[in-house]
Amino acid sequence: LGRGGVAIFRTSQDPIAIERSIREEITALDPTVPVTMETLDARVDRFRERPRFTAALVSLFAVFGWILAAVGLYGVLSFLVSRRTREIGVRMALGATPAKIVALISGEAFAMVGAGLAAGVIAAAALTRLIQGLLFEISPEDPVSFGLAILALVAAAGLAAWIPSRRAAAVDPAVALRSE
C-alpha cells in the first residue's frame, strides 16, 4: 500500500464484521501504516457534504437577499408616499379613488422592480457560468429557475408595496392639503 494508498474491498458480508481481519492483515504487512476504514456509502456521503453545505449557504443568502430587497423597497415606497402626501391629497380631492391611489403606488413599485429585474436578468444570464459547478442536474440557463426568481422578486415587490399603498389610499384630502 505504501504511505498514502487506498484499498477498496468488496464483500458480501457486513463490512463492520470483517473490519478487524482487514486491519490485522494490513498491520501485518506494515505496522506503521495508519488504517482508516469506511464504507463506500459513508465515503460518498462525505463527498456530498460540501456541495450540500454550499447549497444551503447560498439558499440562506438568497432568502436574506429577498428579505433585504423587500425591506428596501418598502422603505423607499414609504418615503415616497410620505413625501407625496400633499399630491395624493390633491388627487383624492379631485376625485381619485383609493383603488386608483393604490394602483398608482403599486405601479411605481413594480416599475422600479421591473427595471431592477431587467438589469438582474441580463447580469444573471451573463454570469451563469460562474455557478455552473454548484449546480446538480440543472443547467445554468434553466428557464424555470429564472422564472421562479422573477416570481419571488415580484412577490417581494407586492408585499413591500402593500402597506405604503394602503397608507396612501387612507390619506384624508383635507388634512393633506392643510399640512405643509
N, C-alpha and C. Protein backbone atom coordinates (compact mmCIF):
# COMPACT_ATOMS: atom_id res chain seq x y z
N LEU A 1 0.80 -1.20 0.00
CA LEU A 1 0.00 0.00 0.00
C LEU A 1 0.84 1.27 0.00
N GLY A 2 2.03 1.20 0.50
CA GLY A 2 2.86 2.39 0.56
C GLY A 2 2.42 3.31 1.70
N ARG A 3 2.77 4.57 1.61
CA ARG A 3 2.46 5.53 2.67
C ARG A 3 1.16 6.29 2.45
N GLY A 4 0.57 6.23 1.29
CA GLY A 4 -0.63 7.02 1.06
C GLY A 4 -1.61 6.32 0.14
N GLY A 5 -1.82 5.07 0.34
CA GLY A 5 -2.67 4.33 -0.57
C GLY A 5 -4.10 4.17 -0.09
N VAL A 6 -4.91 3.70 -0.99
CA VAL A 6 -6.30 3.40 -0.70
C VAL A 6 -6.56 1.99 -1.15
N ALA A 7 -7.16 1.22 -0.29
CA ALA A 7 -7.53 -0.14 -0.66
C ALA A 7 -9.04 -0.25 -0.59
N ILE A 8 -9.61 -0.83 -1.62
CA ILE A 8 -11.06 -0.99 -1.68
C ILE A 8 -11.36 -2.47 -1.66
N PHE A 9 -12.24 -2.85 -0.76
CA PHE A 9 -12.62 -4.25 -0.62
C PHE A 9 -14.10 -4.40 -0.89
N ARG A 10 -14.41 -5.44 -1.64
CA ARG A 10 -15.81 -5.75 -1.91
C ARG A 10 -16.13 -7.04 -1.17
N THR A 11 -17.26 -6.99 -0.46
CA THR A 11 -17.62 -8.16 0.33
C THR A 11 -19.14 -8.33 0.34
N SER A 12 -19.55 -9.56 0.49
CA SER A 12 -20.99 -9.82 0.63
C SER A 12 -21.36 -9.85 2.11
N GLN A 13 -20.36 -9.81 2.98
CA GLN A 13 -20.59 -9.81 4.43
C GLN A 13 -20.78 -8.38 4.92
N ASP A 14 -21.14 -8.28 6.17
CA ASP A 14 -21.26 -6.97 6.81
C ASP A 14 -19.86 -6.36 6.92
N PRO A 15 -19.65 -5.14 6.40
CA PRO A 15 -18.31 -4.54 6.41
C PRO A 15 -17.73 -4.38 7.81
N ILE A 16 -18.58 -4.11 8.78
CA ILE A 16 -18.11 -3.96 10.16
C ILE A 16 -17.57 -5.29 10.68
N ALA A 17 -18.16 -6.37 10.24
CA ALA A 17 -17.74 -7.69 10.72
C ALA A 17 -16.34 -8.07 10.24
N ILE A 18 -15.96 -7.65 9.04
CA ILE A 18 -14.64 -8.03 8.52
C ILE A 18 -13.58 -6.95 8.72
N GLU A 19 -13.96 -5.84 9.34
CA GLU A 19 -13.03 -4.74 9.54
C GLU A 19 -11.80 -5.18 10.34
N ARG A 20 -12.01 -5.96 11.39
CA ARG A 20 -10.89 -6.37 12.25
C ARG A 20 -9.88 -7.22 11.48
N SER A 21 -10.37 -8.16 10.67
CA SER A 21 -9.44 -9.02 9.93
C SER A 21 -8.66 -8.23 8.88
N ILE A 22 -9.28 -7.25 8.26
CA ILE A 22 -8.58 -6.42 7.28
C ILE A 22 -7.51 -5.58 7.98
N ARG A 23 -7.84 -5.02 9.14
CA ARG A 23 -6.86 -4.24 9.91
C ARG A 23 -5.65 -5.12 10.28
N GLU A 24 -5.93 -6.32 10.71
CA GLU A 24 -4.84 -7.22 11.11
C GLU A 24 -3.93 -7.55 9.94
N GLU A 25 -4.50 -7.78 8.77
CA GLU A 25 -3.69 -8.09 7.59
C GLU A 25 -2.82 -6.91 7.18
N ILE A 26 -3.38 -5.71 7.21
CA ILE A 26 -2.61 -4.52 6.84
C ILE A 26 -1.51 -4.25 7.86
N THR A 27 -1.84 -4.41 9.15
CA THR A 27 -0.85 -4.21 10.20
C THR A 27 0.26 -5.24 10.10
N ALA A 28 -0.06 -6.46 9.66
CA ALA A 28 0.96 -7.50 9.49
C ALA A 28 1.94 -7.12 8.38
N LEU A 29 1.43 -6.43 7.34
CA LEU A 29 2.32 -6.01 6.25
C LEU A 29 3.22 -4.86 6.69
N ASP A 30 2.63 -3.86 7.38
CA ASP A 30 3.41 -2.70 7.85
C ASP A 30 2.68 -2.10 9.04
N PRO A 31 3.22 -2.27 10.24
CA PRO A 31 2.53 -1.78 11.43
C PRO A 31 2.50 -0.25 11.56
N THR A 32 3.29 0.47 10.75
CA THR A 32 3.29 1.93 10.85
C THR A 32 2.24 2.60 9.96
N VAL A 33 1.58 1.82 9.15
CA VAL A 33 0.58 2.38 8.23
C VAL A 33 -0.72 2.63 8.99
N PRO A 34 -1.18 3.88 9.00
CA PRO A 34 -2.48 4.13 9.64
C PRO A 34 -3.60 3.54 8.79
N VAL A 35 -4.58 2.98 9.45
CA VAL A 35 -5.68 2.34 8.74
C VAL A 35 -6.98 3.04 9.12
N THR A 36 -7.64 3.57 8.12
CA THR A 36 -8.95 4.19 8.30
C THR A 36 -9.92 3.41 7.44
N MET A 37 -11.00 2.98 8.04
CA MET A 37 -11.96 2.16 7.30
C MET A 37 -13.30 2.90 7.25
N GLU A 38 -13.92 2.82 6.09
CA GLU A 38 -15.26 3.37 5.93
C GLU A 38 -15.94 2.65 4.77
N THR A 39 -17.25 2.65 4.82
CA THR A 39 -18.00 2.03 3.73
C THR A 39 -18.04 2.99 2.55
N LEU A 40 -18.34 2.46 1.39
CA LEU A 40 -18.42 3.29 0.20
C LEU A 40 -19.55 4.31 0.34
N ASP A 41 -20.66 3.90 0.95
CA ASP A 41 -21.76 4.84 1.16
C ASP A 41 -21.33 6.00 2.05
N ALA A 42 -20.57 5.71 3.10
CA ALA A 42 -20.10 6.77 4.00
C ALA A 42 -19.13 7.70 3.27
N ARG A 43 -18.28 7.13 2.44
CA ARG A 43 -17.32 7.95 1.69
C ARG A 43 -18.03 8.85 0.69
N VAL A 44 -19.01 8.31 -0.01
CA VAL A 44 -19.78 9.11 -0.97
C VAL A 44 -20.55 10.21 -0.24
N ASP A 45 -21.15 9.89 0.91
CA ASP A 45 -21.86 10.90 1.68
C ASP A 45 -20.93 12.02 2.13
N ARG A 46 -19.70 11.67 2.48
CA ARG A 46 -18.73 12.68 2.90
C ARG A 46 -18.40 13.63 1.75
N PHE A 47 -18.31 13.10 0.54
CA PHE A 47 -18.05 13.95 -0.61
C PHE A 47 -19.25 14.82 -0.97
N ARG A 48 -20.43 14.40 -0.59
CA ARG A 48 -21.63 15.18 -0.87
C ARG A 48 -21.86 16.28 0.16
N GLU A 49 -21.23 16.21 1.31
CA GLU A 49 -21.47 17.18 2.38
C GLU A 49 -21.12 18.60 1.97
N ARG A 50 -20.00 18.80 1.34
CA ARG A 50 -19.57 20.15 0.98
C ARG A 50 -20.52 20.81 -0.01
N PRO A 51 -20.91 20.14 -1.11
CA PRO A 51 -21.88 20.78 -2.00
C PRO A 51 -23.22 21.06 -1.32
N ARG A 52 -23.64 20.18 -0.42
CA ARG A 52 -24.89 20.41 0.30
C ARG A 52 -24.76 21.64 1.20
N PHE A 53 -23.64 21.76 1.88
CA PHE A 53 -23.41 22.92 2.74
C PHE A 53 -23.39 24.19 1.91
N THR A 54 -22.70 24.14 0.79
CA THR A 54 -22.62 25.30 -0.10
C THR A 54 -24.01 25.68 -0.60
N ALA A 55 -24.80 24.69 -0.99
CA ALA A 55 -26.16 24.96 -1.47
C ALA A 55 -27.02 25.55 -0.36
N ALA A 56 -26.89 25.03 0.85
CA ALA A 56 -27.66 25.57 1.97
C ALA A 56 -27.24 27.00 2.28
N LEU A 57 -25.95 27.27 2.22
CA LEU A 57 -25.45 28.62 2.48
C LEU A 57 -25.92 29.60 1.41
N VAL A 58 -25.85 29.19 0.15
CA VAL A 58 -26.33 30.05 -0.94
C VAL A 58 -27.82 30.29 -0.80
N SER A 59 -28.57 29.27 -0.41
CA SER A 59 -30.02 29.43 -0.21
C SER A 59 -30.30 30.39 0.93
N LEU A 60 -29.54 30.29 2.00
CA LEU A 60 -29.72 31.21 3.13
C LEU A 60 -29.45 32.65 2.71
N PHE A 61 -28.38 32.86 1.95
CA PHE A 61 -28.08 34.21 1.46
C PHE A 61 -29.17 34.69 0.50
N ALA A 62 -29.72 33.79 -0.29
CA ALA A 62 -30.80 34.17 -1.21
C ALA A 62 -32.02 34.63 -0.43
N VAL A 63 -32.36 33.93 0.64
CA VAL A 63 -33.51 34.33 1.46
C VAL A 63 -33.24 35.69 2.11
N PHE A 64 -32.03 35.88 2.64
CA PHE A 64 -31.69 37.17 3.23
C PHE A 64 -31.73 38.28 2.16
N GLY A 65 -31.27 37.99 0.97
CA GLY A 65 -31.32 38.95 -0.11
C GLY A 65 -32.76 39.31 -0.48
N TRP A 66 -33.62 38.31 -0.50
CA TRP A 66 -35.04 38.54 -0.80
C TRP A 66 -35.66 39.44 0.27
N ILE A 67 -35.38 39.14 1.53
CA ILE A 67 -35.91 39.96 2.63
C ILE A 67 -35.35 41.37 2.55
N LEU A 68 -34.07 41.49 2.27
CA LEU A 68 -33.44 42.81 2.15
C LEU A 68 -34.05 43.61 1.00
N ALA A 69 -34.32 42.95 -0.12
CA ALA A 69 -34.95 43.64 -1.25
C ALA A 69 -36.34 44.12 -0.88
N ALA A 70 -37.12 43.27 -0.19
CA ALA A 70 -38.47 43.66 0.21
C ALA A 70 -38.44 44.82 1.20
N VAL A 71 -37.56 44.75 2.18
CA VAL A 71 -37.47 45.81 3.19
C VAL A 71 -36.97 47.11 2.55
N GLY A 72 -36.01 47.01 1.66
CA GLY A 72 -35.50 48.20 0.98
C GLY A 72 -36.56 48.86 0.12
N LEU A 73 -37.30 48.07 -0.63
CA LEU A 73 -38.36 48.62 -1.46
C LEU A 73 -39.47 49.22 -0.59
N TYR A 74 -39.77 48.55 0.50
CA TYR A 74 -40.76 49.09 1.44
C TYR A 74 -40.31 50.46 1.96
N GLY A 75 -39.06 50.57 2.33
CA GLY A 75 -38.54 51.84 2.84
C GLY A 75 -38.60 52.95 1.80
N VAL A 76 -38.22 52.64 0.58
CA VAL A 76 -38.26 53.64 -0.49
C VAL A 76 -39.69 54.08 -0.75
N LEU A 77 -40.60 53.11 -0.83
CA LEU A 77 -42.00 53.46 -1.10
C LEU A 77 -42.62 54.24 0.05
N SER A 78 -42.30 53.86 1.28
CA SER A 78 -42.82 54.61 2.43
C SER A 78 -42.33 56.05 2.40
N PHE A 79 -41.06 56.22 2.07
CA PHE A 79 -40.50 57.57 1.97
C PHE A 79 -41.19 58.37 0.87
N LEU A 80 -41.39 57.73 -0.30
CA LEU A 80 -42.05 58.42 -1.41
C LEU A 80 -43.49 58.80 -1.07
N VAL A 81 -44.19 57.90 -0.39
CA VAL A 81 -45.57 58.19 -0.01
C VAL A 81 -45.60 59.34 0.99
N SER A 82 -44.69 59.34 1.95
CA SER A 82 -44.68 60.43 2.94
C SER A 82 -44.33 61.76 2.28
N ARG A 83 -43.46 61.75 1.27
CA ARG A 83 -43.09 62.98 0.57
C ARG A 83 -44.20 63.47 -0.36
N ARG A 84 -45.07 62.57 -0.77
CA ARG A 84 -46.11 62.92 -1.74
C ARG A 84 -47.50 62.99 -1.10
N THR A 85 -47.56 63.13 0.20
CA THR A 85 -48.86 63.16 0.87
C THR A 85 -49.73 64.29 0.33
N ARG A 86 -49.15 65.42 0.11
CA ARG A 86 -49.91 66.56 -0.41
C ARG A 86 -50.44 66.27 -1.82
N GLU A 87 -49.58 65.72 -2.67
CA GLU A 87 -50.00 65.36 -4.03
C GLU A 87 -51.12 64.33 -4.00
N ILE A 88 -50.99 63.34 -3.13
CA ILE A 88 -52.02 62.31 -3.02
C ILE A 88 -53.33 62.93 -2.53
N GLY A 89 -53.22 63.86 -1.59
CA GLY A 89 -54.41 64.57 -1.12
C GLY A 89 -55.10 65.34 -2.23
N VAL A 90 -54.31 66.01 -3.08
CA VAL A 90 -54.87 66.75 -4.21
C VAL A 90 -55.57 65.79 -5.17
N ARG A 91 -54.91 64.68 -5.46
CA ARG A 91 -55.51 63.68 -6.35
C ARG A 91 -56.85 63.18 -5.80
N MET A 92 -56.87 62.93 -4.50
CA MET A 92 -58.11 62.43 -3.89
C MET A 92 -59.18 63.52 -3.86
N ALA A 93 -58.76 64.77 -3.65
CA ALA A 93 -59.72 65.88 -3.64
C ALA A 93 -60.32 66.09 -5.03
N LEU A 94 -59.55 65.76 -6.06
CA LEU A 94 -60.03 65.91 -7.44
C LEU A 94 -60.79 64.68 -7.93
N GLY A 95 -60.96 63.68 -7.04
CA GLY A 95 -61.81 62.54 -7.41
C GLY A 95 -61.13 61.21 -7.55
N ALA A 96 -59.84 61.10 -7.26
CA ALA A 96 -59.18 59.79 -7.33
C ALA A 96 -59.70 58.89 -6.23
N THR A 97 -59.99 57.68 -6.58
CA THR A 97 -60.49 56.72 -5.59
C THR A 97 -59.31 56.07 -4.88
N PRO A 98 -59.56 55.50 -3.70
CA PRO A 98 -58.46 54.78 -3.02
C PRO A 98 -57.86 53.68 -3.89
N ALA A 99 -58.68 53.03 -4.71
CA ALA A 99 -58.15 51.97 -5.59
C ALA A 99 -57.17 52.55 -6.61
N LYS A 100 -57.44 53.75 -7.11
CA LYS A 100 -56.53 54.38 -8.06
C LYS A 100 -55.23 54.80 -7.39
N ILE A 101 -55.32 55.23 -6.15
CA ILE A 101 -54.10 55.60 -5.40
C ILE A 101 -53.25 54.36 -5.14
N VAL A 102 -53.92 53.27 -4.75
CA VAL A 102 -53.19 52.01 -4.55
C VAL A 102 -52.53 51.58 -5.85
N ALA A 103 -53.26 51.69 -6.96
CA ALA A 103 -52.70 51.31 -8.26
C ALA A 103 -51.53 52.22 -8.63
N LEU A 104 -51.60 53.50 -8.31
CA LEU A 104 -50.52 54.44 -8.60
C LEU A 104 -49.24 54.05 -7.85
N ILE A 105 -49.35 53.83 -6.55
CA ILE A 105 -48.18 53.50 -5.73
C ILE A 105 -47.65 52.12 -6.12
N SER A 106 -48.54 51.16 -6.29
CA SER A 106 -48.11 49.81 -6.69
C SER A 106 -47.46 49.83 -8.06
N GLY A 107 -48.00 50.64 -8.97
CA GLY A 107 -47.41 50.74 -10.30
C GLY A 107 -45.99 51.27 -10.25
N GLU A 108 -45.76 52.26 -9.38
CA GLU A 108 -44.40 52.79 -9.22
C GLU A 108 -43.47 51.72 -8.64
N ALA A 109 -44.00 50.94 -7.70
CA ALA A 109 -43.18 49.87 -7.12
C ALA A 109 -42.81 48.85 -8.18
N PHE A 110 -43.78 48.45 -8.98
CA PHE A 110 -43.49 47.44 -10.00
C PHE A 110 -42.64 48.00 -11.13
N ALA A 111 -42.70 49.30 -11.36
CA ALA A 111 -41.80 49.90 -12.35
C ALA A 111 -40.35 49.83 -11.87
N MET A 112 -40.15 50.12 -10.58
CA MET A 112 -38.79 50.03 -10.00
C MET A 112 -38.29 48.58 -10.06
N VAL A 113 -39.17 47.66 -9.68
CA VAL A 113 -38.78 46.25 -9.69
C VAL A 113 -38.54 45.77 -11.11
N GLY A 114 -39.34 46.24 -12.05
CA GLY A 114 -39.15 45.84 -13.45
C GLY A 114 -37.80 46.27 -13.97
N ALA A 115 -37.39 47.50 -13.65
CA ALA A 115 -36.08 47.98 -14.07
C ALA A 115 -34.97 47.15 -13.43
N GLY A 116 -35.13 46.86 -12.14
CA GLY A 116 -34.14 46.03 -11.45
C GLY A 116 -34.09 44.61 -11.99
N LEU A 117 -35.26 44.07 -12.31
CA LEU A 117 -35.32 42.72 -12.87
C LEU A 117 -34.66 42.66 -14.25
N ALA A 118 -34.89 43.66 -15.05
CA ALA A 118 -34.27 43.67 -16.38
C ALA A 118 -32.75 43.66 -16.26
N ALA A 119 -32.22 44.51 -15.40
CA ALA A 119 -30.77 44.55 -15.20
C ALA A 119 -30.28 43.25 -14.57
N GLY A 120 -31.04 42.73 -13.61
CA GLY A 120 -30.64 41.49 -12.94
C GLY A 120 -30.65 40.28 -13.83
N VAL A 121 -31.65 40.17 -14.70
CA VAL A 121 -31.72 39.02 -15.61
C VAL A 121 -30.57 39.07 -16.61
N ILE A 122 -30.26 40.25 -17.09
CA ILE A 122 -29.13 40.39 -18.01
C ILE A 122 -27.82 40.01 -17.31
N ALA A 123 -27.62 40.50 -16.09
CA ALA A 123 -26.40 40.17 -15.35
C ALA A 123 -26.36 38.69 -15.01
N ALA A 124 -27.50 38.12 -14.60
CA ALA A 124 -27.53 36.70 -14.25
C ALA A 124 -27.24 35.83 -15.46
N ALA A 125 -27.79 36.20 -16.60
CA ALA A 125 -27.53 35.42 -17.81
C ALA A 125 -26.05 35.48 -18.19
N ALA A 126 -25.43 36.63 -17.96
CA ALA A 126 -24.00 36.77 -18.28
C ALA A 126 -23.11 36.03 -17.30
N LEU A 127 -23.56 35.88 -16.05
CA LEU A 127 -22.70 35.30 -15.01
C LEU A 127 -23.05 33.86 -14.64
N THR A 128 -23.92 33.22 -15.39
CA THR A 128 -24.36 31.86 -15.01
C THR A 128 -23.22 30.85 -15.04
N ARG A 129 -22.24 31.04 -15.85
CA ARG A 129 -21.13 30.08 -15.94
C ARG A 129 -20.32 30.01 -14.64
N LEU A 130 -20.36 31.07 -13.86
CA LEU A 130 -19.60 31.09 -12.60
C LEU A 130 -20.17 30.11 -11.58
N ILE A 131 -21.48 29.87 -11.62
CA ILE A 131 -22.09 28.97 -10.63
C ILE A 131 -22.35 27.58 -11.17
N GLN A 132 -21.92 27.31 -12.38
CA GLN A 132 -22.20 26.02 -13.00
C GLN A 132 -21.68 24.85 -12.17
N GLY A 133 -20.57 25.01 -11.49
CA GLY A 133 -20.02 23.94 -10.67
C GLY A 133 -20.85 23.62 -9.45
N LEU A 134 -21.72 24.55 -9.02
CA LEU A 134 -22.56 24.33 -7.86
C LEU A 134 -23.88 23.65 -8.20
N LEU A 135 -24.17 23.53 -9.47
CA LEU A 135 -25.47 23.01 -9.89
C LEU A 135 -25.40 21.51 -10.15
N PHE A 136 -26.45 20.82 -9.77
CA PHE A 136 -26.53 19.38 -9.96
C PHE A 136 -27.80 19.06 -10.72
N GLU A 137 -27.63 18.47 -11.88
CA GLU A 137 -28.74 18.07 -12.75
C GLU A 137 -29.64 19.24 -13.14
N ILE A 138 -29.05 20.40 -13.34
CA ILE A 138 -29.80 21.56 -13.81
C ILE A 138 -28.83 22.44 -14.59
N SER A 139 -29.33 23.03 -15.65
CA SER A 139 -28.45 23.88 -16.46
C SER A 139 -28.44 25.29 -15.87
N PRO A 140 -27.38 26.03 -16.09
CA PRO A 140 -27.31 27.39 -15.56
C PRO A 140 -28.36 28.32 -16.18
N GLU A 141 -28.81 28.02 -17.37
CA GLU A 141 -29.80 28.87 -18.04
C GLU A 141 -31.21 28.31 -17.89
N ASP A 142 -31.49 27.58 -16.82
CA ASP A 142 -32.78 26.93 -16.62
C ASP A 142 -33.90 27.98 -16.57
N PRO A 143 -34.85 27.93 -17.51
CA PRO A 143 -35.90 28.94 -17.53
C PRO A 143 -36.84 28.86 -16.33
N VAL A 144 -37.02 27.68 -15.77
CA VAL A 144 -37.87 27.54 -14.59
C VAL A 144 -37.24 28.26 -13.40
N SER A 145 -35.95 28.11 -13.22
CA SER A 145 -35.26 28.79 -12.12
C SER A 145 -35.31 30.31 -12.29
N PHE A 146 -35.06 30.77 -13.50
CA PHE A 146 -35.15 32.21 -13.75
C PHE A 146 -36.58 32.69 -13.50
N GLY A 147 -37.55 31.93 -13.95
CA GLY A 147 -38.95 32.32 -13.74
C GLY A 147 -39.33 32.37 -12.27
N LEU A 148 -38.86 31.38 -11.51
CA LEU A 148 -39.16 31.38 -10.07
C LEU A 148 -38.47 32.54 -9.36
N ALA A 149 -37.28 32.87 -9.78
CA ALA A 149 -36.58 34.02 -9.17
C ALA A 149 -37.33 35.32 -9.47
N ILE A 150 -37.78 35.46 -10.71
CA ILE A 150 -38.56 36.65 -11.07
C ILE A 150 -39.85 36.70 -10.28
N LEU A 151 -40.51 35.56 -10.18
CA LEU A 151 -41.77 35.49 -9.41
C LEU A 151 -41.54 35.85 -7.94
N ALA A 152 -40.44 35.37 -7.36
CA ALA A 152 -40.13 35.69 -5.97
C ALA A 152 -39.91 37.19 -5.78
N LEU A 153 -39.22 37.82 -6.72
CA LEU A 153 -38.99 39.26 -6.60
C LEU A 153 -40.27 40.06 -6.82
N VAL A 154 -41.13 39.60 -7.70
CA VAL A 154 -42.41 40.29 -7.90
C VAL A 154 -43.26 40.14 -6.64
N ALA A 155 -43.21 38.96 -6.00
CA ALA A 155 -43.93 38.77 -4.74
C ALA A 155 -43.39 39.69 -3.65
N ALA A 156 -42.07 39.84 -3.60
CA ALA A 156 -41.46 40.75 -2.63
C ALA A 156 -41.92 42.18 -2.89
N ALA A 157 -42.00 42.56 -4.17
CA ALA A 157 -42.47 43.91 -4.50
C ALA A 157 -43.92 44.10 -4.09
N GLY A 158 -44.73 43.08 -4.31
CA GLY A 158 -46.13 43.17 -3.91
C GLY A 158 -46.29 43.32 -2.41
N LEU A 159 -45.53 42.54 -1.66
CA LEU A 159 -45.58 42.67 -0.20
C LEU A 159 -45.06 44.02 0.26
N ALA A 160 -43.98 44.47 -0.35
CA ALA A 160 -43.38 45.74 0.07
C ALA A 160 -44.27 46.93 -0.29
N ALA A 161 -45.01 46.83 -1.37
CA ALA A 161 -45.86 47.94 -1.81
C ALA A 161 -47.20 47.97 -1.10
N TRP A 162 -47.60 46.90 -0.50
CA TRP A 162 -48.94 46.80 0.07
C TRP A 162 -49.18 47.83 1.18
N ILE A 163 -48.30 47.90 2.17
CA ILE A 163 -48.52 48.81 3.31
C ILE A 163 -48.44 50.27 2.88
N PRO A 164 -47.40 50.71 2.15
CA PRO A 164 -47.38 52.12 1.74
C PRO A 164 -48.55 52.51 0.83
N SER A 165 -48.97 51.61 -0.04
CA SER A 165 -50.09 51.96 -0.92
C SER A 165 -51.39 52.04 -0.15
N ARG A 166 -51.58 51.18 0.84
CA ARG A 166 -52.78 51.27 1.68
C ARG A 166 -52.75 52.55 2.53
N ARG A 167 -51.58 52.91 3.01
CA ARG A 167 -51.43 54.15 3.78
C ARG A 167 -51.74 55.36 2.90
N ALA A 168 -51.28 55.31 1.65
CA ALA A 168 -51.55 56.42 0.73
C ALA A 168 -53.03 56.51 0.41
N ALA A 169 -53.69 55.36 0.29
CA ALA A 169 -55.12 55.36 -0.02
C ALA A 169 -55.95 55.88 1.15
N ALA A 170 -55.41 55.84 2.35
CA ALA A 170 -56.14 56.28 3.53
C ALA A 170 -55.90 57.75 3.86
N VAL A 171 -55.17 58.46 3.01
CA VAL A 171 -54.88 59.88 3.25
C VAL A 171 -56.19 60.67 3.19
N ASP A 172 -56.40 61.50 4.20
CA ASP A 172 -57.56 62.40 4.21
C ASP A 172 -57.19 63.64 3.39
N PRO A 173 -57.93 63.92 2.30
CA PRO A 173 -57.55 65.05 1.45
C PRO A 173 -57.51 66.39 2.19
N ALA A 174 -58.43 66.60 3.10
CA ALA A 174 -58.46 67.88 3.83
C ALA A 174 -57.23 68.04 4.70
N VAL A 175 -56.85 67.01 5.39
CA VAL A 175 -55.66 67.06 6.25
C VAL A 175 -54.39 67.21 5.41
N ALA A 176 -54.33 66.49 4.29
CA ALA A 176 -53.15 66.54 3.43
C ALA A 176 -52.98 67.93 2.81
N LEU A 177 -54.09 68.57 2.45
CA LEU A 177 -53.99 69.89 1.84
C LEU A 177 -53.63 70.98 2.85
N ARG A 178 -54.01 70.77 4.11
CA ARG A 178 -53.66 71.74 5.15
C ARG A 178 -52.22 71.60 5.62
N SER A 179 -51.65 70.42 5.52
CA SER A 179 -50.29 70.20 6.04
C SER A 179 -49.26 70.76 5.07
N GLU A 180 -48.13 71.07 5.58
CA GLU A 180 -47.06 71.64 4.75
C GLU A 180 -45.95 70.66 4.61
